[in-house]
Amino acid sequence: MGQVRRASYPIPESIIKDRFAGCLLGGAVGDALGGAVEFMSRAQILDRFGQGGIADFAEVYGGKGKITDDTQMTLFTAEGFGGFQPSCPNDCV
C-alpha cells in the first residue's frame, strides 16, 4: 500500500466539519437511492426499472428518497463520536 499523505498545514476546523457533513450527506443520498432495491436481485432490479437500473429516487417506505436504518445508525454513531448535529434544514435528510 502507498503512504498516507498528510496535509503539511493545519486544516481549519470548519473545513473538516464541512467534509464530514459532506460524507454523511453523500452516504444518505446513496442510501436513499438504494433503499428501493436493497433486497432485490439484479434481475429484479432490471425487471422493475429497465436496463439502466435505478436512476432516480423510487417509492419506498412511504415516499421517494427515504433513508433507511443504515443512515439513521450512521448519524447516531456520528453524533456519539463528536456531538455532530447537522445544521441544515430538516437535518439534511
N, C-alpha and C. Protein backbone atom coordinates (compact mmCIF):
# COMPACT_ATOMS: atom_id res chain seq x y z
N MET A 1 0.83 -1.18 0.00
CA MET A 1 0.00 0.00 0.00
C MET A 1 0.87 1.24 0.00
N GLY A 2 0.33 2.31 -0.58
CA GLY A 2 1.04 3.57 -0.59
C GLY A 2 1.01 4.24 0.76
N GLN A 3 1.79 5.27 0.87
CA GLN A 3 1.82 6.00 2.13
C GLN A 3 0.68 7.00 2.19
N VAL A 4 0.22 7.26 3.39
CA VAL A 4 -0.83 8.25 3.61
C VAL A 4 -0.21 9.64 3.50
N ARG A 5 -0.81 10.46 2.67
CA ARG A 5 -0.32 11.84 2.51
C ARG A 5 -1.08 12.73 3.48
N ARG A 6 -0.36 13.38 4.33
CA ARG A 6 -0.97 14.27 5.31
C ARG A 6 -0.70 15.72 4.92
N ALA A 7 -1.67 16.56 5.24
CA ALA A 7 -1.50 17.99 4.96
C ALA A 7 -0.33 18.53 5.77
N SER A 8 0.47 19.36 5.15
CA SER A 8 1.63 19.93 5.84
C SER A 8 1.25 21.24 6.53
N TYR A 9 -0.03 21.51 6.59
CA TYR A 9 -0.52 22.73 7.24
C TYR A 9 -1.79 22.36 8.02
N PRO A 10 -2.14 23.14 9.00
CA PRO A 10 -3.37 22.83 9.73
C PRO A 10 -4.60 23.11 8.87
N ILE A 11 -5.52 22.17 8.87
CA ILE A 11 -6.77 22.34 8.14
C ILE A 11 -7.79 22.96 9.10
N PRO A 12 -8.40 24.07 8.71
CA PRO A 12 -9.37 24.73 9.60
C PRO A 12 -10.50 23.78 9.99
N GLU A 13 -10.93 23.91 11.22
CA GLU A 13 -11.98 23.04 11.74
C GLU A 13 -13.25 23.13 10.90
N SER A 14 -13.55 24.31 10.38
CA SER A 14 -14.76 24.47 9.57
C SER A 14 -14.70 23.61 8.30
N ILE A 15 -13.53 23.48 7.71
CA ILE A 15 -13.38 22.65 6.51
C ILE A 15 -13.53 21.18 6.88
N ILE A 16 -12.95 20.78 7.99
CA ILE A 16 -13.09 19.39 8.43
C ILE A 16 -14.56 19.06 8.68
N LYS A 17 -15.27 19.97 9.34
CA LYS A 17 -16.70 19.74 9.60
C LYS A 17 -17.50 19.68 8.31
N ASP A 18 -17.18 20.55 7.36
CA ASP A 18 -17.86 20.53 6.07
C ASP A 18 -17.63 19.21 5.34
N ARG A 19 -16.41 18.72 5.37
CA ARG A 19 -16.09 17.45 4.71
C ARG A 19 -16.80 16.29 5.40
N PHE A 20 -16.84 16.33 6.71
CA PHE A 20 -17.52 15.29 7.48
C PHE A 20 -19.01 15.29 7.13
N ALA A 21 -19.61 16.48 7.11
CA ALA A 21 -21.03 16.59 6.76
C ALA A 21 -21.27 16.13 5.32
N GLY A 22 -20.35 16.45 4.43
CA GLY A 22 -20.47 16.01 3.04
C GLY A 22 -20.44 14.49 2.91
N CYS A 23 -19.58 13.86 3.69
CA CYS A 23 -19.53 12.39 3.69
C CYS A 23 -20.85 11.80 4.19
N LEU A 24 -21.38 12.37 5.25
CA LEU A 24 -22.65 11.88 5.79
C LEU A 24 -23.78 12.09 4.79
N LEU A 25 -23.81 13.25 4.16
CA LEU A 25 -24.85 13.55 3.19
C LEU A 25 -24.74 12.63 1.97
N GLY A 26 -23.53 12.42 1.49
CA GLY A 26 -23.32 11.51 0.36
C GLY A 26 -23.77 10.10 0.67
N GLY A 27 -23.47 9.65 1.88
CA GLY A 27 -23.93 8.32 2.29
C GLY A 27 -25.44 8.23 2.37
N ALA A 28 -26.07 9.29 2.87
CA ALA A 28 -27.54 9.31 2.98
C ALA A 28 -28.19 9.31 1.61
N VAL A 29 -27.62 10.06 0.67
CA VAL A 29 -28.17 10.09 -0.69
C VAL A 29 -28.04 8.71 -1.34
N GLY A 30 -26.88 8.09 -1.19
CA GLY A 30 -26.69 6.75 -1.73
C GLY A 30 -27.65 5.74 -1.11
N ASP A 31 -27.86 5.88 0.18
CA ASP A 31 -28.79 5.00 0.90
C ASP A 31 -30.20 5.21 0.38
N ALA A 32 -30.59 6.47 0.17
CA ALA A 32 -31.94 6.76 -0.32
C ALA A 32 -32.14 6.24 -1.74
N LEU A 33 -31.09 6.32 -2.56
CA LEU A 33 -31.19 5.77 -3.92
C LEU A 33 -31.29 4.25 -3.90
N GLY A 34 -30.55 3.63 -3.01
CA GLY A 34 -30.51 2.18 -2.97
C GLY A 34 -31.57 1.52 -2.12
N GLY A 35 -32.28 2.31 -1.31
CA GLY A 35 -33.28 1.74 -0.41
C GLY A 35 -34.35 0.94 -1.13
N ALA A 36 -34.75 1.40 -2.30
CA ALA A 36 -35.82 0.73 -3.04
C ALA A 36 -35.39 -0.59 -3.64
N VAL A 37 -34.08 -0.81 -3.74
CA VAL A 37 -33.58 -2.04 -4.37
C VAL A 37 -32.72 -2.87 -3.43
N GLU A 38 -32.72 -2.50 -2.17
CA GLU A 38 -31.80 -3.09 -1.19
C GLU A 38 -31.83 -4.62 -1.15
N PHE A 39 -32.99 -5.21 -1.24
CA PHE A 39 -33.08 -6.66 -1.10
C PHE A 39 -33.48 -7.34 -2.41
N MET A 40 -33.29 -6.65 -3.52
CA MET A 40 -33.65 -7.20 -4.83
C MET A 40 -32.42 -7.80 -5.51
N SER A 41 -32.67 -8.80 -6.32
CA SER A 41 -31.60 -9.35 -7.16
C SER A 41 -31.40 -8.41 -8.35
N ARG A 42 -30.31 -8.58 -9.06
CA ARG A 42 -30.06 -7.76 -10.25
C ARG A 42 -31.20 -7.94 -11.25
N ALA A 43 -31.64 -9.16 -11.43
CA ALA A 43 -32.73 -9.43 -12.37
C ALA A 43 -34.01 -8.70 -11.96
N GLN A 44 -34.30 -8.69 -10.68
CA GLN A 44 -35.50 -7.99 -10.20
C GLN A 44 -35.39 -6.49 -10.42
N ILE A 45 -34.19 -5.94 -10.20
CA ILE A 45 -33.97 -4.51 -10.41
C ILE A 45 -34.18 -4.15 -11.88
N LEU A 46 -33.59 -4.94 -12.76
CA LEU A 46 -33.74 -4.67 -14.19
C LEU A 46 -35.18 -4.85 -14.64
N ASP A 47 -35.88 -5.80 -14.07
CA ASP A 47 -37.28 -6.02 -14.41
C ASP A 47 -38.13 -4.82 -14.00
N ARG A 48 -37.85 -4.26 -12.85
CA ARG A 48 -38.66 -3.14 -12.33
C ARG A 48 -38.27 -1.80 -12.96
N PHE A 49 -36.97 -1.57 -13.16
CA PHE A 49 -36.50 -0.25 -13.58
C PHE A 49 -35.96 -0.20 -15.01
N GLY A 50 -35.88 -1.33 -15.68
CA GLY A 50 -35.36 -1.36 -17.04
C GLY A 50 -33.86 -1.60 -17.07
N GLN A 51 -33.32 -1.64 -18.29
CA GLN A 51 -31.91 -1.99 -18.49
C GLN A 51 -30.94 -1.01 -17.83
N GLY A 52 -31.36 0.21 -17.63
CA GLY A 52 -30.49 1.20 -16.98
C GLY A 52 -30.46 1.06 -15.47
N GLY A 53 -31.32 0.20 -14.92
CA GLY A 53 -31.38 0.06 -13.47
C GLY A 53 -32.01 1.29 -12.82
N ILE A 54 -31.84 1.42 -11.55
CA ILE A 54 -32.43 2.56 -10.84
C ILE A 54 -31.59 3.81 -11.12
N ALA A 55 -32.27 4.88 -11.50
CA ALA A 55 -31.56 6.11 -11.87
C ALA A 55 -32.10 7.33 -11.14
N ASP A 56 -33.11 7.13 -10.31
CA ASP A 56 -33.71 8.23 -9.57
C ASP A 56 -34.33 7.66 -8.30
N PHE A 57 -34.70 8.51 -7.39
CA PHE A 57 -35.34 8.05 -6.17
C PHE A 57 -36.64 7.33 -6.53
N ALA A 58 -36.88 6.22 -5.89
CA ALA A 58 -38.09 5.42 -6.14
C ALA A 58 -38.91 5.32 -4.87
N GLU A 59 -40.17 5.01 -5.05
CA GLU A 59 -41.09 4.87 -3.92
C GLU A 59 -40.63 3.72 -3.02
N VAL A 60 -40.44 4.04 -1.74
CA VAL A 60 -40.05 3.04 -0.75
C VAL A 60 -40.35 3.60 0.64
N TYR A 61 -40.78 2.78 1.53
CA TYR A 61 -41.04 3.18 2.92
C TYR A 61 -41.96 4.40 3.01
N GLY A 62 -42.96 4.46 2.13
CA GLY A 62 -43.95 5.52 2.21
C GLY A 62 -43.58 6.82 1.52
N GLY A 63 -42.57 6.82 0.68
CA GLY A 63 -42.21 8.04 -0.04
C GLY A 63 -41.01 7.82 -0.94
N LYS A 64 -40.65 8.85 -1.68
CA LYS A 64 -39.47 8.79 -2.55
C LYS A 64 -38.26 9.34 -1.80
N GLY A 65 -37.13 8.70 -2.00
CA GLY A 65 -35.89 9.19 -1.41
C GLY A 65 -35.80 9.04 0.09
N LYS A 66 -36.46 8.06 0.64
CA LYS A 66 -36.41 7.83 2.09
C LYS A 66 -35.12 7.11 2.46
N ILE A 67 -34.51 7.55 3.54
CA ILE A 67 -33.32 6.85 4.04
C ILE A 67 -33.75 5.60 4.78
N THR A 68 -32.78 4.73 5.04
CA THR A 68 -33.05 3.50 5.77
C THR A 68 -32.41 3.58 7.15
N ASP A 69 -32.54 2.50 7.87
CA ASP A 69 -31.91 2.42 9.19
C ASP A 69 -30.39 2.53 9.10
N ASP A 70 -29.82 2.23 7.94
CA ASP A 70 -28.37 2.35 7.78
C ASP A 70 -27.93 3.80 8.02
N THR A 71 -28.63 4.74 7.40
CA THR A 71 -28.29 6.16 7.58
C THR A 71 -28.60 6.60 9.00
N GLN A 72 -29.70 6.14 9.53
CA GLN A 72 -30.05 6.52 10.91
C GLN A 72 -28.95 6.08 11.88
N MET A 73 -28.46 4.86 11.72
CA MET A 73 -27.40 4.36 12.61
C MET A 73 -26.10 5.13 12.39
N THR A 74 -25.81 5.48 11.15
CA THR A 74 -24.60 6.26 10.86
C THR A 74 -24.67 7.62 11.55
N LEU A 75 -25.84 8.28 11.47
CA LEU A 75 -25.99 9.59 12.11
C LEU A 75 -25.93 9.49 13.63
N PHE A 76 -26.52 8.44 14.19
CA PHE A 76 -26.43 8.24 15.65
C PHE A 76 -24.99 8.02 16.07
N THR A 77 -24.25 7.24 15.29
CA THR A 77 -22.85 6.97 15.60
C THR A 77 -22.02 8.24 15.50
N ALA A 78 -22.24 9.01 14.44
CA ALA A 78 -21.50 10.27 14.27
C ALA A 78 -21.79 11.22 15.43
N GLU A 79 -23.03 11.29 15.83
CA GLU A 79 -23.39 12.15 16.96
C GLU A 79 -22.70 11.68 18.23
N GLY A 80 -22.63 10.37 18.42
CA GLY A 80 -21.99 9.82 19.61
C GLY A 80 -20.50 10.08 19.65
N PHE A 81 -19.85 10.04 18.49
CA PHE A 81 -18.41 10.27 18.44
C PHE A 81 -18.03 11.71 18.74
N GLY A 82 -18.76 12.63 18.15
CA GLY A 82 -18.30 14.00 18.30
C GLY A 82 -19.38 15.03 18.54
N GLY A 83 -20.53 14.58 18.90
CA GLY A 83 -21.60 15.53 19.11
C GLY A 83 -22.03 16.20 17.84
N PHE A 84 -21.75 15.58 16.68
CA PHE A 84 -22.13 16.16 15.39
C PHE A 84 -23.64 16.27 15.30
N GLN A 85 -24.10 17.46 14.95
CA GLN A 85 -25.52 17.67 14.74
C GLN A 85 -25.68 18.48 13.47
N PRO A 86 -26.30 17.90 12.44
CA PRO A 86 -26.47 18.65 11.17
C PRO A 86 -27.16 19.98 11.44
N SER A 87 -26.72 20.99 10.71
CA SER A 87 -27.30 22.32 10.91
C SER A 87 -28.04 22.81 9.68
N CYS A 88 -28.29 21.93 8.72
CA CYS A 88 -29.02 22.35 7.55
C CYS A 88 -30.50 22.05 7.72
N PRO A 89 -31.35 22.65 6.88
CA PRO A 89 -32.80 22.46 7.04
C PRO A 89 -33.19 20.98 7.07
N ASN A 90 -34.09 20.64 7.92
CA ASN A 90 -34.60 19.27 8.05
C ASN A 90 -33.49 18.26 8.33
N ASP A 91 -32.44 18.70 9.00
CA ASP A 91 -31.31 17.83 9.34
C ASP A 91 -30.68 17.16 8.12
N CYS A 92 -30.69 17.83 6.99
CA CYS A 92 -30.04 17.39 5.74
C CYS A 92 -30.72 16.23 5.06
N VAL A 93 -31.49 15.44 5.77
CA VAL A 93 -32.12 14.27 5.15
C VAL A 93 -33.60 14.26 5.46
